[in-house]
């Protein structure tokens, strides 16, 4: 038993593990989607008064970030739904193949503090889970090579730096995406806990981007980096062990 538990304090629970928290509840119109078919996926966030939330604060240039990953952490989408006047969010969504997926709604109600709620989505059909991606600190996407430096230390703040090159040359003209030169999502393998990662403010447009994060426990983590160059947003992914 940790010192926090002995003193009666409760350790902060990572985001995304619950569909309802602090009086806010994620309510999807449906949770089963045909694999490989795009659909207009709709959901609401019900507030403490039992009504759909209609007022949100802008975080990273958006009112809500919607992350969808496969349960085996091989597939990742970062989407930005549209909100109507009745508090219903809508976004085009395609689950690429049969299986189980986890969806996260990352938002800040106005008034209120940031919160991430999670729910499972299902694409019916024959499904064989893929093994977890091996530990890797280098990713290649569309001719770009992205490398990751830094270590994750359980219970302590960590600094991670990614470096972007193309055809062996540093990319020094990255374009801002969501208010920074990169956006990083960290998920814990096993339960897919959603961890907030904060970019370091910099005026340098690459090739290095630095992030600050804190992981709650030892084990494997999947990191997904969105970066923009040449007018296109690309995603690089890594698998890192926290010791």
C-alpha atoms as a PDB file:
ATOM      1  CA  UNK A   1       0.000   0.000   0.000  1.00  0.00           C
ATOM      2  CA  UNK A   2       1.375   3.403  -1.003  1.00  0.00           C
ATOM      3  CA  UNK A   3       1.705   6.384   1.275  1.00  0.00           C
ATOM      4  CA  UNK A   4      -1.179   8.091  -0.518  1.00  0.00           C
ATOM      5  CA  UNK A   5      -3.457   5.176   0.201  1.00  0.00           C
ATOM      6  CA  UNK A   6      -2.377   5.012   3.853  1.00  0.00           C
ATOM      7  CA  UNK A   7      -3.175   8.695   4.352  1.00  0.00           C
ATOM      8  CA  UNK A   8      -6.634   8.251   2.868  1.00  0.00           C
ATOM      9  CA  UNK A   9      -5.838  10.120  -0.362  1.00  0.00           C
ATOM     10  CA  UNK A  10      -6.916   8.592  -3.653  1.00  0.00           C
ATOM     11  CA  UNK A  11      -4.467   8.610  -6.528  1.00  0.00           C
ATOM     12  CA  UNK A  12      -5.715  10.392  -9.637  1.00  0.00           C
ATOM     13  CA  UNK A  13      -7.279   7.975 -12.099  1.00  0.00           C
ATOM     14  CA  UNK A  14      -5.978   8.356 -15.667  1.00  0.00           C
ATOM     15  CA  UNK A  15      -8.453   9.682 -18.204  1.00  0.00           C
ATOM     16  CA  UNK A  16     -10.555   7.678 -20.599  1.00  0.00           C
ATOM     17  CA  UNK A  17     -11.162   4.657 -18.376  1.00  0.00           C
ATOM     18  CA  UNK A  18     -14.729   5.671 -17.526  1.00  0.00           C
ATOM     19  CA  UNK A  19     -17.786   6.584 -19.566  1.00  0.00           C
ATOM     20  CA  UNK A  20     -18.980   8.793 -16.708  1.00  0.00           C
ATOM     21  CA  UNK A  21     -16.917  10.952 -14.378  1.00  0.00           C
ATOM     22  CA  UNK A  22     -17.393  14.078 -12.236  1.00  0.00           C
ATOM     23  CA  UNK A  23     -21.048  14.216 -13.264  1.00  0.00           C
ATOM     24  CA  UNK A  24     -20.388  14.116 -17.017  1.00  0.00           C
ATOM     25  CA  UNK A  25     -21.438  11.125 -19.129  1.00  0.00           C
ATOM     26  CA  UNK A  26     -20.601  10.166 -22.710  1.00  0.00           C
ATOM     27  CA  UNK A  27     -23.757   9.006 -24.514  1.00  0.00           C
ATOM     28  CA  UNK A  28     -23.352   7.581 -28.043  1.00  0.00           C
ATOM     29  CA  UNK A  29     -26.261   7.248 -30.468  1.00  0.00           C
ATOM     30  CA  UNK A  30     -24.981   3.727 -31.193  1.00  0.00           C
ATOM     31  CA  UNK A  31     -21.884   1.683 -30.449  1.00  0.00           C
ATOM     32  CA  UNK A  32     -21.966  -0.898 -33.262  1.00  0.00           C
ATOM     33  CA  UNK A  33     -20.750   0.177 -36.701  1.00  0.00           C
ATOM     34  CA  UNK A  34     -20.355  -1.828 -39.904  1.00  0.00           C
ATOM     35  CA  UNK A  35     -16.633  -2.382 -40.538  1.00  0.00           C
ATOM     36  CA  UNK A  36     -15.141  -0.558 -43.493  1.00  0.00           C
ATOM     37  CA  UNK A  37     -18.140   1.749 -43.949  1.00  0.00           C
ATOM     38  CA  UNK A  38     -18.084   5.445 -43.125  1.00  0.00           C
ATOM     39  CA  UNK A  39     -20.989   6.599 -40.989  1.00  0.00           C
ATOM     40  CA  UNK A  40     -22.087   9.840 -39.359  1.00  0.00           C
ATOM     41  CA  UNK A  41     -21.276   8.964 -35.766  1.00  0.00           C
ATOM     42  CA  UNK A  42     -23.192  11.011 -33.215  1.00  0.00           C
ATOM     43  CA  UNK A  43     -22.933  11.384 -29.445  1.00  0.00           C
ATOM     44  CA  UNK A  44     -23.663  13.780 -26.612  1.00  0.00           C
ATOM     45  CA  UNK A  45     -21.957  14.705 -23.381  1.00  0.00           C
ATOM     46  CA  UNK A  46     -24.585  14.841 -20.653  1.00  0.00           C
ATOM     47  CA  UNK A  47     -23.761  17.243 -17.837  1.00  0.00           C
ATOM     48  CA  UNK A  48     -24.407  17.372 -14.127  1.00  0.00           C
ATOM     49  CA  UNK A  49     -27.924  18.727 -14.772  1.00  0.00           C
ATOM     50  CA  UNK A  50     -28.848  15.713 -16.898  1.00  0.00           C
ATOM     51  CA  UNK A  51     -28.877  17.740 -20.113  1.00  0.00           C
ATOM     52  CA  UNK A  52     -26.502  17.734 -23.106  1.00  0.00           C
ATOM     53  CA  UNK A  53     -23.563  20.095 -22.632  1.00  0.00           C
ATOM     54  CA  UNK A  54     -23.593  22.898 -25.201  1.00  0.00           C
ATOM     55  CA  UNK A  55     -20.817  25.188 -23.896  1.00  0.00           C
ATOM     56  CA  UNK A  56     -17.159  24.190 -24.178  1.00  0.00           C
ATOM     57  CA  UNK A  57     -13.776  25.873 -23.886  1.00  0.00           C
ATOM     58  CA  UNK A  58     -11.314  25.739 -26.756  1.00  0.00           C
ATOM     59  CA  UNK A  59      -8.318  23.488 -26.024  1.00  0.00           C
ATOM     60  CA  UNK A  60      -5.587  23.046 -28.640  1.00  0.00           C
ATOM     61  CA  UNK A  61      -7.734  25.056 -31.089  1.00  0.00           C
ATOM     62  CA  UNK A  62     -10.767  22.737 -30.832  1.00  0.00           C
ATOM     63  CA  UNK A  63     -13.785  22.379 -28.553  1.00  0.00           C
ATOM     64  CA  UNK A  64     -13.434  18.577 -28.447  1.00  0.00           C
ATOM     65  CA  UNK A  65     -10.840  16.036 -29.544  1.00  0.00           C
ATOM     66  CA  UNK A  66     -12.174  12.596 -30.493  1.00  0.00           C
ATOM     67  CA  UNK A  67      -9.604   9.799 -30.499  1.00  0.00           C
ATOM     68  CA  UNK A  68     -10.434   6.306 -31.793  1.00  0.00           C
ATOM     69  CA  UNK A  69      -8.022   3.380 -31.428  1.00  0.00           C
ATOM     70  CA  UNK A  70      -8.329  -0.352 -31.920  1.00  0.00           C
ATOM     71  CA  UNK A  71      -8.100  -2.348 -28.710  1.00  0.00           C
ATOM     72  CA  UNK A  72      -4.849  -3.932 -29.923  1.00  0.00           C
ATOM     73  CA  UNK A  73      -3.480  -0.374 -30.427  1.00  0.00           C
ATOM     74  CA  UNK A  74      -2.624  -0.937 -34.071  1.00  0.00           C
ATOM     75  CA  UNK A  75      -5.112   1.600 -35.495  1.00  0.00           C
ATOM     76  CA  UNK A  76      -5.396   5.294 -34.515  1.00  0.00           C
ATOM     77  CA  UNK A  77      -7.609   8.191 -35.576  1.00  0.00           C
ATOM     78  CA  UNK A  78      -7.683  11.765 -34.266  1.00  0.00           C
ATOM     79  CA  UNK A  79     -10.952  13.442 -35.271  1.00  0.00           C
ATOM     80  CA  UNK A  80     -12.731  16.723 -34.583  1.00  0.00           C
ATOM     81  CA  UNK A  81     -16.537  16.428 -34.478  1.00  0.00           C
ATOM     82  CA  UNK A  82     -18.948  19.287 -35.160  1.00  0.00           C
ATOM     83  CA  UNK A  83     -21.367  20.448 -32.433  1.00  0.00           C
ATOM     84  CA  UNK A  84     -24.953  21.451 -33.166  1.00  0.00           C
ATOM     85  CA  UNK A  85     -27.085  23.791 -31.075  1.00  0.00           C
ATOM     86  CA  UNK A  86     -28.719  20.874 -29.222  1.00  0.00           C
ATOM     87  CA  UNK A  87     -25.412  19.569 -27.873  1.00  0.00           C
ATOM     88  CA  UNK A  88     -25.092  16.685 -30.351  1.00  0.00           C
ATOM     89  CA  UNK A  89     -21.621  16.003 -31.731  1.00  0.00           C
ATOM     90  CA  UNK A  90     -21.285  14.466 -35.203  1.00  0.00           C
ATOM     91  CA  UNK A  91     -18.244  13.179 -37.067  1.00  0.00           C
ATOM     92  CA  UNK A  92     -17.650  10.945 -40.121  1.00  0.00           C
ATOM     93  CA  UNK A  93     -16.181   7.718 -38.724  1.00  0.00           C
ATOM     94  CA  UNK A  94     -14.981   4.506 -40.348  1.00  0.00           C
ATOM     95  CA  UNK A  95     -13.767   1.520 -38.345  1.00  0.00           C
ATOM     96  CA  UNK A  96     -11.455  -0.147 -40.884  1.00  0.00           C
ATOM     97  CA  UNK A  97     -12.023  -3.783 -39.933  1.00  0.00           C
ATOM     98  CA  UNK A  98     -13.922  -6.027 -37.535  1.00  0.00           C
ATOM     99  CA  UNK A  99     -12.948  -5.770 -33.887  1.00  0.00           C
ATOM    100  CA  UNK A 100     -13.315  -3.721 -30.733  1.00  0.00           C
ATOM    101  CA  UNK A 101     -12.270  -0.077 -30.558  1.00  0.00           C
ATOM    102  CA  UNK A 102     -11.922   2.488 -27.799  1.00  0.00           C
ATOM    103  CA  UNK A 103     -13.148   6.041 -28.353  1.00  0.00           C
ATOM    104  CA  UNK A 104     -12.080   9.002 -26.212  1.00  0.00           C
ATOM    105  CA  UNK A 105     -13.749  12.396 -25.926  1.00  0.00           C
ATOM    106  CA  UNK A 106     -11.233  14.945 -24.611  1.00  0.00           C
ATOM    107  CA  UNK A 107     -12.920  18.256 -23.740  1.00  0.00           C
ATOM    108  CA  UNK A 108     -13.313  21.085 -21.252  1.00  0.00           C
ATOM    109  CA  UNK A 109     -16.863  22.157 -20.363  1.00  0.00           C
ATOM    110  CA  UNK A 110     -17.481  25.864 -19.847  1.00  0.00           C
ATOM    111  CA  UNK A 111     -17.396  26.331 -16.916  1.00  0.00           C
ATOM    112  CA  UNK A 112     -15.319  23.378 -15.794  1.00  0.00           C
ATOM    113  CA  UNK A 113     -11.993  21.565 -15.987  1.00  0.00           C
ATOM    114  CA  UNK A 114     -10.600  19.279 -18.683  1.00  0.00           C
ATOM    115  CA  UNK A 115     -11.908  15.723 -18.694  1.00  0.00           C
ATOM    116  CA  UNK A 116     -11.527  12.659 -20.926  1.00  0.00           C
ATOM    117  CA  UNK A 117     -14.312  10.099 -21.134  1.00  0.00           C
ATOM    118  CA  UNK A 118     -14.064   6.754 -22.924  1.00  0.00           C
ATOM    119  CA  UNK A 119     -16.375   4.178 -24.487  1.00  0.00           C
ATOM    120  CA  UNK A 120     -16.067   0.965 -26.497  1.00  0.00           C
ATOM    121  CA  UNK A 121     -17.174   0.707 -30.132  1.00  0.00           C
ATOM    122  CA  UNK A 122     -17.777  -2.547 -31.993  1.00  0.00           C
ATOM    123  CA  UNK A 123     -17.358  -3.570 -35.617  1.00  0.00           C
ATOM    124  CA  UNK A 124     -18.905  -7.038 -35.973  1.00  0.00           C
ATOM    125  CA  UNK A 125     -17.268  -9.828 -37.945  1.00  0.00           C
ATOM    126  CA  UNK A 126     -14.436 -12.332 -37.821  1.00  0.00           C
ATOM    127  CA  UNK A 127     -11.657 -10.820 -35.764  1.00  0.00           C
ATOM    128  CA  UNK A 128      -8.189 -11.937 -34.737  1.00  0.00           C
ATOM    129  CA  UNK A 129      -6.357  -9.464 -32.472  1.00  0.00           C
ATOM    130  CA  UNK A 130      -2.898  -8.529 -33.647  1.00  0.00           C
ATOM    131  CA  UNK A 131       0.047  -8.847 -31.255  1.00  0.00           C
ATOM    132  CA  UNK A 132       1.153  -5.649 -29.570  1.00  0.00           C
ATOM    133  CA  UNK A 133       3.593  -3.666 -31.708  1.00  0.00           C
ATOM    134  CA  UNK A 134       7.179  -4.256 -30.558  1.00  0.00           C
ATOM    135  CA  UNK A 135       9.139  -1.609 -28.706  1.00  0.00           C
ATOM    136  CA  UNK A 136      10.238   0.980 -31.247  1.00  0.00           C
ATOM    137  CA  UNK A 137      11.592   4.518 -31.086  1.00  0.00           C
ATOM    138  CA  UNK A 138      11.726   5.084 -34.842  1.00  0.00           C
ATOM    139  CA  UNK A 139       8.747   5.481 -37.152  1.00  0.00           C
ATOM    140  CA  UNK A 140       8.562   5.996 -40.911  1.00  0.00           C
ATOM    141  CA  UNK A 141       5.560   7.538 -42.676  1.00  0.00           C
ATOM    142  CA  UNK A 142       5.314   8.878 -46.243  1.00  0.00           C
ATOM    143  CA  UNK A 143       9.081   9.236 -46.565  1.00  0.00           C
ATOM    144  CA  UNK A 144       9.505  10.916 -43.175  1.00  0.00           C
ATOM    145  CA  UNK A 145      11.558   9.362 -40.400  1.00  0.00           C
ATOM    146  CA  UNK A 146      10.618  10.306 -36.854  1.00  0.00           C
ATOM    147  CA  UNK A 147      12.785   9.319 -33.898  1.00  0.00           C
ATOM    148  CA  UNK A 148      11.916   9.495 -30.214  1.00  0.00           C
ATOM    149  CA  UNK A 149      14.340  10.318 -27.393  1.00  0.00           C
ATOM    150  CA  UNK A 150      13.745  10.330 -23.654  1.00  0.00           C
ATOM    151  CA  UNK A 151      12.514   7.848 -21.058  1.00  0.00           C
ATOM    152  CA  UNK A 152       9.176   7.318 -19.360  1.00  0.00           C
ATOM    153  CA  UNK A 153       9.583   7.073 -15.594  1.00  0.00           C
ATOM    154  CA  UNK A 154       6.513   5.894 -13.636  1.00  0.00           C
ATOM    155  CA  UNK A 155       5.197   8.559 -11.270  1.00  0.00           C
ATOM    156  CA  UNK A 156       7.609  11.240 -12.437  1.00  0.00           C
ATOM    157  CA  UNK A 157       7.517  13.975 -15.046  1.00  0.00           C
ATOM    158  CA  UNK A 158       9.338  12.976 -18.210  1.00  0.00           C
ATOM    159  CA  UNK A 159      10.585  14.929 -21.193  1.00  0.00           C
ATOM    160  CA  UNK A 160      10.247  13.320 -24.612  1.00  0.00           C
ATOM    161  CA  UNK A 161      11.715  14.774 -27.803  1.00  0.00           C
ATOM    162  CA  UNK A 162      10.828  13.728 -31.330  1.00  0.00           C
ATOM    163  CA  UNK A 163      12.995  14.565 -34.316  1.00  0.00           C
ATOM    164  CA  UNK A 164      11.593  14.729 -37.843  1.00  0.00           C
ATOM    165  CA  UNK A 165      13.666  14.175 -40.989  1.00  0.00           C
ATOM    166  CA  UNK A 166      12.804  13.599 -44.653  1.00  0.00           C
ATOM    167  CA  UNK A 167      15.158  11.877 -47.055  1.00  0.00           C
ATOM    168  CA  UNK A 168      17.840  12.113 -44.378  1.00  0.00           C
ATOM    169  CA  UNK A 169      17.522  15.884 -43.985  1.00  0.00           C
ATOM    170  CA  UNK A 170      16.122  17.670 -40.917  1.00  0.00           C
ATOM    171  CA  UNK A 171      12.641  19.139 -41.379  1.00  0.00           C
ATOM    172  CA  UNK A 172      12.913  22.691 -40.060  1.00  0.00           C
ATOM    173  CA  UNK A 173       9.684  24.069 -41.517  1.00  0.00           C
ATOM    174  CA  UNK A 174       6.984  22.083 -39.741  1.00  0.00           C
ATOM    175  CA  UNK A 175       3.568  23.726 -39.807  1.00  0.00           C
ATOM    176  CA  UNK A 176       1.529  24.359 -36.652  1.00  0.00           C
ATOM    177  CA  UNK A 177      -1.124  21.759 -35.897  1.00  0.00           C
ATOM    178  CA  UNK A 178      -3.620  22.301 -33.077  1.00  0.00           C
ATOM    179  CA  UNK A 179      -1.613  25.247 -31.821  1.00  0.00           C
ATOM    180  CA  UNK A 180       1.776  23.508 -31.732  1.00  0.00           C
ATOM    181  CA  UNK A 181       4.265  21.868 -34.085  1.00  0.00           C
ATOM    182  CA  UNK A 182       3.096  18.447 -32.962  1.00  0.00           C
ATOM    183  CA  UNK A 183       0.319  16.775 -30.996  1.00  0.00           C
ATOM    184  CA  UNK A 184       1.114  13.640 -28.983  1.00  0.00           C
ATOM    185  CA  UNK A 185      -1.339  11.104 -27.531  1.00  0.00           C
ATOM    186  CA  UNK A 186      -0.106   8.470 -25.042  1.00  0.00           C
ATOM    187  CA  UNK A 187      -2.089   5.307 -24.234  1.00  0.00           C
ATOM    188  CA  UNK A 188      -1.252   2.640 -21.664  1.00  0.00           C
ATOM    189  CA  UNK A 189      -1.220  -0.895 -23.037  1.00  0.00           C
ATOM    190  CA  UNK A 190      -3.701  -3.204 -21.359  1.00  0.00           C
ATOM    191  CA  UNK A 191      -6.441  -0.798 -20.281  1.00  0.00           C
ATOM    192  CA  UNK A 192      -5.822   2.046 -22.786  1.00  0.00           C
ATOM    193  CA  UNK A 193      -5.608   4.748 -20.119  1.00  0.00           C
ATOM    194  CA  UNK A 194      -5.452   8.117 -21.883  1.00  0.00           C
ATOM    195  CA  UNK A 195      -2.615  10.354 -20.736  1.00  0.00           C
ATOM    196  CA  UNK A 196      -2.329  14.067 -21.295  1.00  0.00           C
ATOM    197  CA  UNK A 197       0.862  15.180 -22.993  1.00  0.00           C
ATOM    198  CA  UNK A 198       1.810  18.844 -23.125  1.00  0.00           C
ATOM    199  CA  UNK A 199       4.025  20.283 -25.883  1.00  0.00           C
ATOM    200  CA  UNK A 200       6.801  22.671 -24.949  1.00  0.00           C
ATOM    201  CA  UNK A 201       6.302  26.138 -26.395  1.00  0.00           C
ATOM    202  CA  UNK A 202       8.897  26.904 -29.026  1.00  0.00           C
ATOM    203  CA  UNK A 203       9.362  29.266 -31.958  1.00  0.00           C
ATOM    204  CA  UNK A 204      11.507  26.730 -33.808  1.00  0.00           C
ATOM    205  CA  UNK A 205       9.556  24.863 -36.501  1.00  0.00           C
ATOM    206  CA  UNK A 206      11.452  21.598 -36.111  1.00  0.00           C
ATOM    207  CA  UNK A 207      13.152  19.301 -36.557  1.00  0.00           C
ATOM    208  CA  UNK A 208      12.818  18.692 -32.775  1.00  0.00           C
ATOM    209  CA  UNK A 209       9.536  18.822 -30.826  1.00  0.00           C
ATOM    210  CA  UNK A 210       9.561  18.381 -27.051  1.00  0.00           C
ATOM    211  CA  UNK A 211       6.711  17.108 -24.892  1.00  0.00           C
ATOM    212  CA  UNK A 212       6.163  16.731 -21.149  1.00  0.00           C
ATOM    213  CA  UNK A 213       4.225  13.780 -19.774  1.00  0.00           C
ATOM    214  CA  UNK A 214       3.838  11.624 -16.703  1.00  0.00           C
ATOM    215  CA  UNK A 215       2.916   7.941 -16.748  1.00  0.00           C
ATOM    216  CA  UNK A 216       1.287   6.336 -13.697  1.00  0.00           C
ATOM    217  CA  UNK A 217       2.800   2.847 -13.806  1.00  0.00           C
ATOM    218  CA  UNK A 218       5.499   0.607 -15.316  1.00  0.00           C
ATOM    219  CA  UNK A 219       4.743  -1.222 -18.542  1.00  0.00           C
ATOM    220  CA  UNK A 220       4.165  -0.576 -22.205  1.00  0.00           C
ATOM    221  CA  UNK A 221       2.774   2.623 -23.738  1.00  0.00           C
ATOM    222  CA  UNK A 222       1.792   3.506 -27.280  1.00  0.00           C
ATOM    223  CA  UNK A 223       2.571   7.036 -28.450  1.00  0.00           C
ATOM    224  CA  UNK A 224       0.921   8.623 -31.495  1.00  0.00           C
ATOM    225  CA  UNK A 225       2.414  11.836 -32.898  1.00  0.00           C
ATOM    226  CA  UNK A 226       0.451  14.032 -35.323  1.00  0.00           C
ATOM    227  CA  UNK A 227       2.620  16.514 -37.234  1.00  0.00           C
ATOM    228  CA  UNK A 228       1.954  18.727 -40.241  1.00  0.00           C
ATOM    229  CA  UNK A 229       4.273  19.418 -43.164  1.00  0.00           C
ATOM    230  CA  UNK A 230       3.515  20.450 -46.724  1.00  0.00           C
ATOM    231  CA  UNK A 231      -0.118  20.996 -45.784  1.00  0.00           C
ATOM    232  CA  UNK A 232      -0.686  17.364 -44.748  1.00  0.00           C
ATOM    233  CA  UNK A 233      -1.082  15.934 -41.247  1.00  0.00           C
ATOM    234  CA  UNK A 234       0.698  12.613 -40.721  1.00  0.00           C
ATOM    235  CA  UNK A 235       0.840  10.243 -37.765  1.00  0.00           C
ATOM    236  CA  UNK A 236       3.960   8.510 -36.443  1.00  0.00           C
ATOM    237  CA  UNK A 237       3.621   5.848 -33.756  1.00  0.00           C
ATOM    238  CA  UNK A 238       5.977   4.425 -31.159  1.00  0.00           C
ATOM    239  CA  UNK A 239       5.970   1.726 -28.483  1.00  0.00           C
ATOM    240  CA  UNK A 240       7.845   2.614 -25.307  1.00  0.00           C
ATOM    241  CA  UNK A 241       8.428   0.788 -22.024  1.00  0.00           C
ATOM    242  CA  UNK A 242       8.279   2.638 -18.704  1.00  0.00           C
ATOM    243  CA  UNK A 243      10.623   1.237 -16.042  1.00  0.00           C
END
